[in-house]
């Protein structure tokens, strides 16, 4: 029993020391997601709005997974900055001379990043 108590005390000290050597930084990234091409501007805009609505209701883990956030990010801290996220439509000319439209979902994400302290 004494060995178990010593092991637990040592584990707590090691975890505390590791956490003390980490530094956390708030950061933001901007990204643009593209929808599939449609035949109309209205359909492309609606596809973009649907995607933005889906992202707004996603959990931090879902956002992190879907948007391929780096390994040093606290996945539970990822959040969409709603005031800075919006949809636009881009017109594209196809090789056959027709015109297509894609929705562009412009997002701004905030997250906490962990860095090891060299001290």
PDB file of N, CA and C in Angstrom:
ATOM      1  N   UNK A   1       0.821  -1.189   0.000  1.00  0.00           N
ATOM      2  CA  UNK A   1       0.000   0.000   0.000  1.00  0.00           C
ATOM      3  C   UNK A   1       0.863   1.250   0.000  1.00  0.00           C
ATOM      4  N   UNK A   2       1.994   1.203   0.721  1.00  0.00           N
ATOM      5  CA  UNK A   2       2.887   2.354   0.765  1.00  0.00           C
ATOM      6  C   UNK A   2       3.477   2.621  -0.621  1.00  0.00           C
ATOM      7  N   UNK A   3       3.754   1.548  -1.377  1.00  0.00           N
ATOM      8  CA  UNK A   3       4.295   1.689  -2.734  1.00  0.00           C
ATOM      9  C   UNK A   3       3.283   2.391  -3.635  1.00  0.00           C
ATOM     10  N   UNK A   4       2.005   2.047  -3.499  1.00  0.00           N
ATOM     11  CA  UNK A   4       0.961   2.679  -4.298  1.00  0.00           C
ATOM     12  C   UNK A   4       0.855   4.161  -3.961  1.00  0.00           C
ATOM     13  N   UNK A   5       0.917   4.502  -2.698  1.00  0.00           N
ATOM     14  CA  UNK A   5       0.862   5.913  -2.287  1.00  0.00           C
ATOM     15  C   UNK A   5       2.053   6.686  -2.826  1.00  0.00           C
ATOM     16  N   UNK A   6       3.230   6.092  -2.777  1.00  0.00           N
ATOM     17  CA  UNK A   6       4.432   6.742  -3.307  1.00  0.00           C
ATOM     18  C   UNK A   6       4.315   6.929  -4.817  1.00  0.00           C
ATOM     19  N   UNK A   7       3.798   5.904  -5.484  1.00  0.00           N
ATOM     20  CA  UNK A   7       3.621   5.982  -6.943  1.00  0.00           C
ATOM     21  C   UNK A   7       2.653   7.108  -7.305  1.00  0.00           C
ATOM     22  N   UNK A   8       1.528   7.206  -6.602  1.00  0.00           N
ATOM     23  CA  UNK A   8       0.540   8.254  -6.881  1.00  0.00           C
ATOM     24  C   UNK A   8       1.117   9.642  -6.618  1.00  0.00           C
ATOM     25  N   UNK A   9       1.840   9.797  -5.535  1.00  0.00           N
ATOM     26  CA  UNK A   9       2.448  11.094  -5.217  1.00  0.00           C
ATOM     27  C   UNK A   9       3.461  11.488  -6.284  1.00  0.00           C
ATOM     28  N   UNK A  10       4.265  10.544  -6.730  1.00  0.00           N
ATOM     29  CA  UNK A  10       5.252  10.813  -7.779  1.00  0.00           C
ATOM     30  C   UNK A  10       4.560  11.181  -9.086  1.00  0.00           C
ATOM     31  N   UNK A  11       3.485  10.486  -9.417  1.00  0.00           N
ATOM     32  CA  UNK A  11       2.738  10.771 -10.643  1.00  0.00           C
ATOM     33  C   UNK A  11       2.176  12.190 -10.625  1.00  0.00           C
ATOM     34  N   UNK A  12       1.613  12.592  -9.508  1.00  0.00           N
ATOM     35  CA  UNK A  12       1.055  13.940  -9.388  1.00  0.00           C
ATOM     36  C   UNK A  12       2.149  14.982  -9.566  1.00  0.00           C
ATOM     37  N   UNK A  13       3.299  14.767  -8.963  1.00  0.00           N
ATOM     38  CA  UNK A  13       4.419  15.705  -9.108  1.00  0.00           C
ATOM     39  C   UNK A  13       4.891  15.793 -10.550  1.00  0.00           C
ATOM     40  N   UNK A  14       4.999  14.680 -11.239  1.00  0.00           N
ATOM     41  CA  UNK A  14       5.434  14.679 -12.636  1.00  0.00           C
ATOM     42  C   UNK A  14       4.429  15.394 -13.533  1.00  0.00           C
ATOM     43  N   UNK A  15       3.156  15.136 -13.318  1.00  0.00           N
ATOM     44  CA  UNK A  15       2.121  15.796 -14.119  1.00  0.00           C
ATOM     45  C   UNK A  15       2.143  17.297 -13.867  1.00  0.00           C
ATOM     46  N   UNK A  16       2.287  17.704 -12.620  1.00  0.00           N
ATOM     47  CA  UNK A  16       2.338  19.130 -12.288  1.00  0.00           C
ATOM     48  C   UNK A  16       3.545  19.790 -12.920  1.00  0.00           C
ATOM     49  N   UNK A  17       4.687  19.138 -12.893  1.00  0.00           N
ATOM     50  CA  UNK A  17       5.902  19.701 -13.483  1.00  0.00           C
ATOM     51  C   UNK A  17       5.764  19.838 -14.987  1.00  0.00           C
ATOM     52  N   UNK A  18       5.145  18.855 -15.624  1.00  0.00           N
ATOM     53  CA  UNK A  18       4.945  18.914 -17.072  1.00  0.00           C
ATOM     54  C   UNK A  18       4.012  20.059 -17.428  1.00  0.00           C
ATOM     55  N   UNK A  19       2.928  20.222 -16.714  1.00  0.00           N
ATOM     56  CA  UNK A  19       1.978  21.292 -16.987  1.00  0.00           C
ATOM     57  C   UNK A  19       2.614  22.657 -16.751  1.00  0.00           C
ATOM     58  N   UNK A  20       3.494  22.761 -15.777  1.00  0.00           N
ATOM     59  CA  UNK A  20       4.152  24.038 -15.488  1.00  0.00           C
ATOM     60  C   UNK A  20       5.100  24.439 -16.605  1.00  0.00           C
ATOM     61  N   UNK A  21       5.600  23.479 -17.364  1.00  0.00           N
ATOM     62  CA  UNK A  21       6.527  23.782 -18.443  1.00  0.00           C
ATOM     63  C   UNK A  21       5.838  24.035 -19.779  1.00  0.00           C
ATOM     64  N   UNK A  22       4.538  23.998 -19.815  1.00  0.00           N
ATOM     65  CA  UNK A  22       3.809  24.239 -21.052  1.00  0.00           C
ATOM     66  C   UNK A  22       3.310  25.681 -21.075  1.00  0.00           C
ATOM     67  N   UNK A  23       3.294  26.251 -22.250  1.00  0.00           N
ATOM     68  CA  UNK A  23       2.770  27.598 -22.428  1.00  0.00           C
ATOM     69  C   UNK A  23       1.577  27.516 -23.380  1.00  0.00           C
ATOM     70  N   UNK A  24       0.524  28.256 -23.093  1.00  0.00           N
ATOM     71  CA  UNK A  24      -0.681  28.223 -23.892  1.00  0.00           C
ATOM     72  C   UNK A  24      -0.878  29.577 -24.562  1.00  0.00           C
ATOM     73  N   UNK A  25      -1.213  29.557 -25.851  1.00  0.00           N
ATOM     74  CA  UNK A  25      -1.405  30.776 -26.616  1.00  0.00           C
ATOM     75  C   UNK A  25      -2.742  30.725 -27.338  1.00  0.00           C
ATOM     76  N   UNK A  26      -3.465  31.829 -27.286  1.00  0.00           N
ATOM     77  CA  UNK A  26      -4.688  31.964 -28.070  1.00  0.00           C
ATOM     78  C   UNK A  26      -4.289  32.391 -29.475  1.00  0.00           C
ATOM     79  N   UNK A  27      -4.920  31.797 -30.471  1.00  0.00           N
ATOM     80  CA  UNK A  27      -4.607  32.147 -31.844  1.00  0.00           C
ATOM     81  C   UNK A  27      -5.869  32.064 -32.690  1.00  0.00           C
ATOM     82  N   UNK A  28      -5.819  32.632 -33.871  1.00  0.00           N
ATOM     83  CA  UNK A  28      -6.915  32.592 -34.843  1.00  0.00           C
ATOM     84  C   UNK A  28      -6.349  32.220 -36.200  1.00  0.00           C
ATOM     85  N   UNK A  29      -7.147  31.511 -36.967  1.00  0.00           N
ATOM     86  CA  UNK A  29      -6.796  31.243 -38.361  1.00  0.00           C
ATOM     87  C   UNK A  29      -8.021  31.511 -39.217  1.00  0.00           C
ATOM     88  N   UNK A  30      -7.767  31.919 -40.437  1.00  0.00           N
ATOM     89  CA  UNK A  30      -8.837  32.113 -41.407  1.00  0.00           C
ATOM     90  C   UNK A  30      -8.666  31.062 -42.490  1.00  0.00           C
ATOM     91  N   UNK A  31      -9.787  30.596 -43.002  1.00  0.00           N
ATOM     92  CA  UNK A  31      -9.755  29.576 -44.031  1.00  0.00           C
ATOM     93  C   UNK A  31     -10.972  29.756 -44.921  1.00  0.00           C
ATOM     94  N   UNK A  32     -10.891  29.218 -46.125  1.00  0.00           N
ATOM     95  CA  UNK A  32     -12.014  29.257 -47.045  1.00  0.00           C
ATOM     96  C   UNK A  32     -12.325  27.848 -47.504  1.00  0.00           C
ATOM     97  N   UNK A  33     -13.563  27.440 -47.321  1.00  0.00           N
ATOM     98  CA  UNK A  33     -14.037  26.148 -47.788  1.00  0.00           C
ATOM     99  C   UNK A  33     -14.864  26.369 -49.044  1.00  0.00           C
ATOM    100  N   UNK A  34     -14.779  25.445 -49.982  1.00  0.00           N
ATOM    101  CA  UNK A  34     -15.516  25.560 -51.239  1.00  0.00           C
ATOM    102  C   UNK A  34     -16.621  24.509 -51.311  1.00  0.00           C
ATOM    103  N   UNK A  35     -17.768  24.916 -51.827  1.00  0.00           N
ATOM    104  CA  UNK A  35     -18.846  23.960 -52.055  1.00  0.00           C
ATOM    105  C   UNK A  35     -18.678  23.346 -53.443  1.00  0.00           C
ATOM    106  N   UNK A  36     -19.500  22.363 -53.736  1.00  0.00           N
ATOM    107  CA  UNK A  36     -19.522  21.803 -55.094  1.00  0.00           C
ATOM    108  C   UNK A  36     -20.062  22.847 -56.051  1.00  0.00           C
ATOM    109  N   UNK A  37     -19.719  22.713 -57.335  1.00  0.00           N
ATOM    110  CA  UNK A  37     -20.178  23.652 -58.352  1.00  0.00           C
ATOM    111  C   UNK A  37     -21.662  23.428 -58.631  1.00  0.00           C
ATOM    112  N   UNK A  38     -22.366  24.533 -58.812  1.00  0.00           N
ATOM    113  CA  UNK A  38     -23.794  24.496 -59.137  1.00  0.00           C
ATOM    114  C   UNK A  38     -24.049  25.276 -60.419  1.00  0.00           C
ATOM    115  N   UNK A  39     -25.292  25.196 -60.900  1.00  0.00           N
ATOM    116  CA  UNK A  39     -25.664  25.904 -62.127  1.00  0.00           C
ATOM    117  C   UNK A  39     -26.130  27.329 -61.876  1.00  0.00           C
ATOM    118  N   UNK A  40     -26.440  27.653 -60.611  1.00  0.00           N
ATOM    119  CA  UNK A  40     -26.941  28.996 -60.336  1.00  0.00           C
ATOM    120  C   UNK A  40     -26.228  29.619 -59.136  1.00  0.00           C
ATOM    121  N   UNK A  41     -26.208  30.926 -59.149  1.00  0.00           N
ATOM    122  CA  UNK A  41     -25.608  31.686 -58.051  1.00  0.00           C
ATOM    123  C   UNK A  41     -26.378  31.434 -56.750  1.00  0.00           C
ATOM    124  N   UNK A  42     -27.706  31.379 -56.838  1.00  0.00           N
ATOM    125  CA  UNK A  42     -28.535  31.169 -55.646  1.00  0.00           C
ATOM    126  C   UNK A  42     -28.268  29.795 -55.023  1.00  0.00           C
ATOM    127  N   UNK A  43     -28.108  28.773 -55.836  1.00  0.00           N
ATOM    128  CA  UNK A  43     -27.846  27.426 -55.321  1.00  0.00           C
ATOM    129  C   UNK A  43     -26.474  27.362 -54.651  1.00  0.00           C
ATOM    130  N   UNK A  44     -25.495  28.030 -55.237  1.00  0.00           N
ATOM    131  CA  UNK A  44     -24.149  28.058 -54.647  1.00  0.00           C
ATOM    132  C   UNK A  44     -24.169  28.800 -53.312  1.00  0.00           C
ATOM    133  N   UNK A  45     -24.899  29.906 -53.252  1.00  0.00           N
ATOM    134  CA  UNK A  45     -25.006  30.667 -52.004  1.00  0.00           C
ATOM    135  C   UNK A  45     -25.690  29.830 -50.923  1.00  0.00           C
ATOM    136  N   UNK A  46     -26.758  29.122 -51.302  1.00  0.00           N
ATOM    137  CA  UNK A  46     -27.472  28.286 -50.332  1.00  0.00           C
ATOM    138  C   UNK A  46     -26.585  27.145 -49.839  1.00  0.00           C
ATOM    139  N   UNK A  47     -25.797  26.537 -50.727  1.00  0.00           N
ATOM    140  CA  UNK A  47     -24.870  25.469 -50.319  1.00  0.00           C
ATOM    141  C   UNK A  47     -23.841  26.008 -49.323  1.00  0.00           C
ATOM    142  N   UNK A  48     -23.357  27.230 -49.570  1.00  0.00           N
ATOM    143  CA  UNK A  48     -22.419  27.860 -48.648  1.00  0.00           C
ATOM    144  C   UNK A  48     -23.052  28.146 -47.297  1.00  0.00           C
ATOM    145  N   UNK A  49     -24.283  28.648 -47.296  1.00  0.00           N
ATOM    146  CA  UNK A  49     -24.990  28.909 -46.040  1.00  0.00           C
ATOM    147  C   UNK A  49     -25.236  27.619 -45.270  1.00  0.00           C
ATOM    148  N   UNK A  50     -25.590  26.550 -45.982  1.00  0.00           N
ATOM    149  CA  UNK A  50     -25.809  25.258 -45.320  1.00  0.00           C
ATOM    150  C   UNK A  50     -24.530  24.777 -44.638  1.00  0.00           C
ATOM    151  N   UNK A  51     -23.401  24.925 -45.325  1.00  0.00           N
ATOM    152  CA  UNK A  51     -22.117  24.502 -44.756  1.00  0.00           C
ATOM    153  C   UNK A  51     -21.762  25.356 -43.542  1.00  0.00           C
ATOM    154  N   UNK A  52     -21.956  26.661 -43.631  1.00  0.00           N
ATOM    155  CA  UNK A  52     -21.654  27.550 -42.511  1.00  0.00           C
ATOM    156  C   UNK A  52     -22.552  27.227 -41.309  1.00  0.00           C
ATOM    157  N   UNK A  53     -23.811  26.944 -41.550  1.00  0.00           N
ATOM    158  CA  UNK A  53     -24.733  26.570 -40.475  1.00  0.00           C
ATOM    159  C   UNK A  53     -24.273  25.280 -39.806  1.00  0.00           C
ATOM    160  N   UNK A  54     -23.824  24.321 -40.616  1.00  0.00           N
ATOM    161  CA  UNK A  54     -23.318  23.059 -40.071  1.00  0.00           C
ATOM    162  C   UNK A  54     -22.092  23.307 -39.192  1.00  0.00           C
ATOM    163  N   UNK A  55     -21.184  24.166 -39.650  1.00  0.00           N
ATOM    164  CA  UNK A  55     -19.986  24.464 -38.869  1.00  0.00           C
ATOM    165  C   UNK A  55     -20.321  25.193 -37.571  1.00  0.00           C
ATOM    166  N   UNK A  56     -21.305  26.085 -37.620  1.00  0.00           N
ATOM    167  CA  UNK A  56     -21.698  26.827 -36.413  1.00  0.00           C
ATOM    168  C   UNK A  56     -22.256  25.910 -35.337  1.00  0.00           C
ATOM    169  N   UNK A  57     -22.878  24.816 -35.743  1.00  0.00           N
ATOM    170  CA  UNK A  57     -23.461  23.904 -34.759  1.00  0.00           C
ATOM    171  C   UNK A  57     -22.524  22.743 -34.406  1.00  0.00           C
ATOM    172  N   UNK A  58     -21.345  22.690 -35.016  1.00  0.00           N
ATOM    173  CA  UNK A  58     -20.396  21.602 -34.758  1.00  0.00           C
ATOM    174  C   UNK A  58     -19.715  21.787 -33.405  1.00  0.00           C
ATOM    175  N   UNK A  59     -19.368  20.674 -32.792  1.00  0.00           N
ATOM    176  CA  UNK A  59     -18.634  20.711 -31.529  1.00  0.00           C
ATOM    177  C   UNK A  59     -17.173  21.079 -31.810  1.00  0.00           C
ATOM    178  N   UNK A  60     -16.434  21.495 -30.792  1.00  0.00           N
ATOM    179  CA  UNK A  60     -15.008  21.788 -30.997  1.00  0.00           C
ATOM    180  C   UNK A  60     -14.238  20.608 -31.600  1.00  0.00           C
ATOM    181  N   UNK A  61     -14.536  19.393 -31.167  1.00  0.00           N
ATOM    182  CA  UNK A  61     -13.846  18.222 -31.712  1.00  0.00           C
ATOM    183  C   UNK A  61     -14.195  17.999 -33.179  1.00  0.00           C
ATOM    184  N   UNK A  62     -15.460  18.224 -33.540  1.00  0.00           N
ATOM    185  CA  UNK A  62     -15.867  18.082 -34.943  1.00  0.00           C
ATOM    186  C   UNK A  62     -15.182  19.132 -35.815  1.00  0.00           C
ATOM    187  N   UNK A  63     -15.108  20.373 -35.334  1.00  0.00           N
ATOM    188  CA  UNK A  63     -14.417  21.422 -36.081  1.00  0.00           C
ATOM    189  C   UNK A  63     -12.947  21.077 -36.278  1.00  0.00           C
ATOM    190  N   UNK A  64     -12.310  20.638 -35.220  1.00  0.00           N
ATOM    191  CA  UNK A  64     -10.893  20.286 -35.279  1.00  0.00           C
ATOM    192  C   UNK A  64     -10.648  19.177 -36.284  1.00  0.00           C
ATOM    193  N   UNK A  65     -11.497  18.188 -36.283  1.00  0.00           N
ATOM    194  CA  UNK A  65     -11.354  17.048 -37.192  1.00  0.00           C
ATOM    195  C   UNK A  65     -11.638  17.447 -38.637  1.00  0.00           C
ATOM    196  N   UNK A  66     -12.714  18.166 -38.860  1.00  0.00           N
ATOM    197  CA  UNK A  66     -13.114  18.526 -40.224  1.00  0.00           C
ATOM    198  C   UNK A  66     -12.155  19.510 -40.876  1.00  0.00           C
ATOM    199  N   UNK A  67     -11.562  20.385 -40.069  1.00  0.00           N
ATOM    200  CA  UNK A  67     -10.711  21.439 -40.626  1.00  0.00           C
ATOM    201  C   UNK A  67      -9.226  21.144 -40.467  1.00  0.00           C
ATOM    202  N   UNK A  68      -8.891  19.931 -40.036  1.00  0.00           N
ATOM    203  CA  UNK A  68      -7.502  19.466 -39.943  1.00  0.00           C
ATOM    204  C   UNK A  68      -6.615  20.420 -39.156  1.00  0.00           C
ATOM    205  N   UNK A  69      -7.021  20.711 -37.921  1.00  0.00           N
ATOM    206  CA  UNK A  69      -6.254  21.567 -37.032  1.00  0.00           C
ATOM    207  C   UNK A  69      -5.017  20.805 -36.555  1.00  0.00           C
ATOM    208  N   UNK A  70      -3.887  21.504 -36.385  1.00  0.00           N
ATOM    209  CA  UNK A  70      -2.619  20.855 -36.045  1.00  0.00           C
ATOM    210  C   UNK A  70      -2.647  20.150 -34.698  1.00  0.00           C
ATOM    211  N   UNK A  71      -1.651  19.298 -34.481  1.00  0.00           N
ATOM    212  CA  UNK A  71      -1.599  18.422 -33.311  1.00  0.00           C
ATOM    213  C   UNK A  71      -1.384  19.171 -31.992  1.00  0.00           C
ATOM    214  N   UNK A  72      -0.826  20.356 -31.999  1.00  0.00           N
ATOM    215  CA  UNK A  72      -0.519  21.068 -30.760  1.00  0.00           C
ATOM    216  C   UNK A  72      -1.682  21.921 -30.254  1.00  0.00           C
ATOM    217  N   UNK A  73      -2.833  21.769 -30.873  1.00  0.00           N
ATOM    218  CA  UNK A  73      -3.998  22.556 -30.497  1.00  0.00           C
ATOM    219  C   UNK A  73      -4.850  21.770 -29.506  1.00  0.00           C
ATOM    220  N   UNK A  74      -5.320  22.452 -28.483  1.00  0.00           N
ATOM    221  CA  UNK A  74      -6.285  21.853 -27.563  1.00  0.00           C
ATOM    222  C   UNK A  74      -7.597  21.735 -28.339  1.00  0.00           C
ATOM    223  N   UNK A  75      -7.928  20.510 -28.756  1.00  0.00           N
ATOM    224  CA  UNK A  75      -9.091  20.300 -29.624  1.00  0.00           C
ATOM    225  C   UNK A  75     -10.395  20.799 -29.005  1.00  0.00           C
ATOM    226  N   UNK A  76     -10.478  20.808 -27.690  1.00  0.00           N
ATOM    227  CA  UNK A  76     -11.695  21.280 -27.025  1.00  0.00           C
ATOM    228  C   UNK A  76     -11.821  22.800 -27.045  1.00  0.00           C
ATOM    229  N   UNK A  77     -10.777  23.503 -27.466  1.00  0.00           N
ATOM    230  CA  UNK A  77     -10.818  24.962 -27.466  1.00  0.00           C
ATOM    231  C   UNK A  77     -11.175  25.547 -28.831  1.00  0.00           C
ATOM    232  N   UNK A  78     -11.271  24.723 -29.860  1.00  0.00           N
ATOM    233  CA  UNK A  78     -11.541  25.213 -31.215  1.00  0.00           C
ATOM    234  C   UNK A  78     -12.973  25.751 -31.283  1.00  0.00           C
ATOM    235  N   UNK A  79     -13.120  26.973 -31.791  1.00  0.00           N
ATOM    236  CA  UNK A  79     -14.440  27.576 -31.930  1.00  0.00           C
ATOM    237  C   UNK A  79     -14.485  28.478 -33.151  1.00  0.00           C
ATOM    238  N   UNK A  80     -15.650  28.586 -33.726  1.00  0.00           N
ATOM    239  CA  UNK A  80     -15.889  29.432 -34.886  1.00  0.00           C
ATOM    240  C   UNK A  80     -16.205  30.838 -34.403  1.00  0.00           C
ATOM    241  N   UNK A  81     -15.513  31.828 -34.931  1.00  0.00           N
ATOM    242  CA  UNK A  81     -15.818  33.223 -34.615  1.00  0.00           C
ATOM    243  C   UNK A  81     -16.949  33.653 -35.547  1.00  0.00           C
ATOM    244  N   UNK A  82     -18.173  33.600 -35.044  1.00  0.00           N
ATOM    245  CA  UNK A  82     -19.353  33.814 -35.881  1.00  0.00           C
ATOM    246  C   UNK A  82     -19.394  35.181 -36.545  1.00  0.00           C
ATOM    247  N   UNK A  83     -18.911  36.211 -35.878  1.00  0.00           N
ATOM    248  CA  UNK A  83     -18.969  37.557 -36.439  1.00  0.00           C
ATOM    249  C   UNK A  83     -18.035  37.735 -37.633  1.00  0.00           C
ATOM    250  N   UNK A  84     -17.038  36.861 -37.767  1.00  0.00           N
ATOM    251  CA  UNK A  84     -16.048  36.999 -38.836  1.00  0.00           C
ATOM    252  C   UNK A  84     -16.208  35.944 -39.930  1.00  0.00           C
ATOM    253  N   UNK A  85     -17.260  35.149 -39.870  1.00  0.00           N
ATOM    254  CA  UNK A  85     -17.464  34.080 -40.848  1.00  0.00           C
ATOM    255  C   UNK A  85     -18.618  34.457 -41.778  1.00  0.00           C
ATOM    256  N   UNK A  86     -18.440  34.221 -43.078  1.00  0.00           N
ATOM    257  CA  UNK A  86     -19.452  34.648 -44.049  1.00  0.00           C
ATOM    258  C   UNK A  86     -19.341  33.818 -45.327  1.00  0.00           C
ATOM    259  N   UNK A  87     -20.333  33.977 -46.206  1.00  0.00           N
ATOM    260  CA  UNK A  87     -20.404  33.224 -47.459  1.00  0.00           C
ATOM    261  C   UNK A  87     -20.375  34.191 -48.642  1.00  0.00           C
ATOM    262  N   UNK A  88     -19.635  33.826 -49.665  1.00  0.00           N
ATOM    263  CA  UNK A  88     -19.654  34.541 -50.940  1.00  0.00           C
ATOM    264  C   UNK A  88     -19.812  33.504 -52.051  1.00  0.00           C
ATOM    265  N   UNK A  89     -20.037  33.982 -53.258  1.00  0.00           N
ATOM    266  CA  UNK A  89     -20.177  33.097 -54.413  1.00  0.00           C
ATOM    267  C   UNK A  89     -19.163  33.509 -55.465  1.00  0.00           C
ATOM    268  N   UNK A  90     -18.549  32.518 -56.088  1.00  0.00           N
ATOM    269  CA  UNK A  90     -17.570  32.776 -57.144  1.00  0.00           C
ATOM    270  C   UNK A  90     -18.074  32.155 -58.445  1.00  0.00           C
ATOM    271  N   UNK A  91     -17.999  32.935 -59.502  1.00  0.00           N
ATOM    272  CA  UNK A  91     -18.393  32.463 -60.828  1.00  0.00           C
ATOM    273  C   UNK A  91     -17.163  31.851 -61.497  1.00  0.00           C
ATOM    274  N   UNK A  92     -17.376  30.703 -62.139  1.00  0.00           N
ATOM    275  CA  UNK A  92     -16.266  30.032 -62.819  1.00  0.00           C
ATOM    276  C   UNK A  92     -16.662  29.689 -64.245  1.00  0.00           C
ATOM    277  N   UNK A  93     -15.742  29.921 -65.138  1.00  0.00           N
ATOM    278  CA  UNK A  93     -15.952  29.559 -66.534  1.00  0.00           C
ATOM    279  C   UNK A  93     -15.408  28.154 -66.759  1.00  0.00           C
ATOM    280  N   UNK A  94     -16.244  27.297 -67.325  1.00  0.00           N
ATOM    281  CA  UNK A  94     -15.854  25.915 -67.576  1.00  0.00           C
ATOM    282  C   UNK A  94     -15.256  25.778 -68.982  1.00  0.00           C
ATOM    283  N   UNK A  95     -14.457  24.734 -69.215  1.00  0.00           N
ATOM    284  CA  UNK A  95     -13.830  24.551 -70.533  1.00  0.00           C
ATOM    285  C   UNK A  95     -14.837  24.476 -71.688  1.00  0.00           C
ATOM    286  N   UNK A  96     -16.054  24.002 -71.403  1.00  0.00           N
ATOM    287  CA  UNK A  96     -17.054  23.896 -72.473  1.00  0.00           C
ATOM    288  C   UNK A  96     -17.779  25.215 -72.741  1.00  0.00           C
ATOM    289  N   UNK A  97     -17.359  26.293 -72.075  1.00  0.00           N
ATOM    290  CA  UNK A  97     -17.955  27.604 -72.291  1.00  0.00           C
ATOM    291  C   UNK A  97     -19.104  27.926 -71.345  1.00  0.00           C
ATOM    292  N   UNK A  98     -19.569  26.951 -70.593  1.00  0.00           N
ATOM    293  CA  UNK A  98     -20.650  27.206 -69.647  1.00  0.00           C
ATOM    294  C   UNK A  98     -20.081  27.877 -68.394  1.00  0.00           C
ATOM    295  N   UNK A  99     -20.974  28.419 -67.590  1.00  0.00           N
ATOM    296  CA  UNK A  99     -20.589  29.085 -66.347  1.00  0.00           C
ATOM    297  C   UNK A  99     -21.142  28.274 -65.179  1.00  0.00           C
ATOM    298  N   UNK A 100     -20.314  28.103 -64.161  1.00  0.00           N
ATOM    299  CA  UNK A 100     -20.731  27.435 -62.932  1.00  0.00           C
ATOM    300  C   UNK A 100     -20.455  28.336 -61.747  1.00  0.00           C
ATOM    301  N   UNK A 101     -21.039  27.997 -60.619  1.00  0.00           N
ATOM    302  CA  UNK A 101     -20.898  28.811 -59.418  1.00  0.00           C
ATOM    303  C   UNK A 101     -20.521  27.920 -58.235  1.00  0.00           C
ATOM    304  N   UNK A 102     -19.622  28.430 -57.387  1.00  0.00           N
ATOM    305  CA  UNK A 102     -19.275  27.723 -56.155  1.00  0.00           C
ATOM    306  C   UNK A 102     -19.475  28.676 -54.978  1.00  0.00           C
ATOM    307  N   UNK A 103     -19.916  28.105 -53.870  1.00  0.00           N
ATOM    308  CA  UNK A 103     -20.029  28.882 -52.643  1.00  0.00           C
ATOM    309  C   UNK A 103     -18.690  28.865 -51.919  1.00  0.00           C
ATOM    310  N   UNK A 104     -18.269  30.001 -51.418  1.00  0.00           N
ATOM    311  CA  UNK A 104     -17.040  30.119 -50.641  1.00  0.00           C
ATOM    312  C   UNK A 104     -17.425  30.450 -49.205  1.00  0.00           C
ATOM    313  N   UNK A 105     -17.096  29.544 -48.301  1.00  0.00           N
ATOM    314  CA  UNK A 105     -17.403  29.727 -46.886  1.00  0.00           C
ATOM    315  C   UNK A 105     -16.129  30.228 -46.212  1.00  0.00           C
ATOM    316  N   UNK A 106     -16.125  31.494 -45.891  1.00  0.00           N
ATOM    317  CA  UNK A 106     -14.961  32.137 -45.264  1.00  0.00           C
ATOM    318  C   UNK A 106     -15.135  32.064 -43.753  1.00  0.00           C
ATOM    319  N   UNK A 107     -14.229  31.345 -43.103  1.00  0.00           N
ATOM    320  CA  UNK A 107     -14.366  31.133 -41.661  1.00  0.00           C
ATOM    321  C   UNK A 107     -13.155  31.671 -40.915  1.00  0.00           C
ATOM    322  N   UNK A 108     -13.408  32.045 -39.687  1.00  0.00           N
ATOM    323  CA  UNK A 108     -12.380  32.509 -38.771  1.00  0.00           C
ATOM    324  C   UNK A 108     -12.508  31.649 -37.519  1.00  0.00           C
ATOM    325  N   UNK A 109     -11.437  30.915 -37.214  1.00  0.00           N
ATOM    326  CA  UNK A 109     -11.438  30.002 -36.060  1.00  0.00           C
ATOM    327  C   UNK A 109     -10.525  30.526 -34.974  1.00  0.00           C
ATOM    328  N   UNK A 110     -10.929  30.336 -33.737  1.00  0.00           N
ATOM    329  CA  UNK A 110     -10.077  30.617 -32.596  1.00  0.00           C
ATOM    330  C   UNK A 110      -9.755  29.310 -31.899  1.00  0.00           C
ATOM    331  N   UNK A 111      -8.582  29.241 -31.268  1.00  0.00           N
ATOM    332  CA  UNK A 111      -8.189  28.027 -30.553  1.00  0.00           C
ATOM    333  C   UNK A 111      -7.041  28.347 -29.611  1.00  0.00           C
ATOM    334  N   UNK A 112      -6.780  27.404 -28.699  1.00  0.00           N
ATOM    335  CA  UNK A 112      -5.648  27.499 -27.778  1.00  0.00           C
ATOM    336  C   UNK A 112      -4.601  26.520 -28.241  1.00  0.00           C
ATOM    337  N   UNK A 113      -3.376  27.012 -28.355  1.00  0.00           N
ATOM    338  CA  UNK A 113      -2.261  26.169 -28.792  1.00  0.00           C
ATOM    339  C   UNK A 113      -1.293  25.984 -27.634  1.00  0.00           C
ATOM    340  N   UNK A 114      -0.787  24.770 -27.474  1.00  0.00           N
ATOM    341  CA  UNK A 114       0.146  24.468 -26.396  1.00  0.00           C
ATOM    342  C   UNK A 114       1.565  24.367 -26.945  1.00  0.00           C
ATOM    343  N   UNK A 115       2.506  25.021 -26.289  1.00  0.00           N
ATOM    344  CA  UNK A 115       3.922  24.950 -26.641  1.00  0.00           C
ATOM    345  C   UNK A 115       4.701  24.553 -25.390  1.00  0.00           C
ATOM    346  N   UNK A 116       5.681  23.721 -25.570  1.00  0.00           N
ATOM    347  CA  UNK A 116       6.540  23.346 -24.456  1.00  0.00           C
ATOM    348  C   UNK A 116       7.477  24.497 -24.135  1.00  0.00           C
ATOM    349  N   UNK A 117       7.616  24.817 -22.865  1.00  0.00           N
ATOM    350  CA  UNK A 117       8.514  25.877 -22.413  1.00  0.00           C
ATOM    351  C   UNK A 117       9.923  25.293 -22.303  1.00  0.00           C
ATOM    352  N   UNK A 118      10.904  25.981 -22.848  1.00  0.00           N
ATOM    353  CA  UNK A 118      12.278  25.477 -22.846  1.00  0.00           C
ATOM    354  C   UNK A 118      13.003  25.699 -21.525  1.00  0.00           C
ATOM    355  N   UNK A 119      12.393  26.379 -20.575  1.00  0.00           N
ATOM    356  CA  UNK A 119      13.064  26.652 -19.295  1.00  0.00           C
ATOM    357  C   UNK A 119      13.166  25.440 -18.441  1.00  0.00           C
TER     358      UNK A 119
END
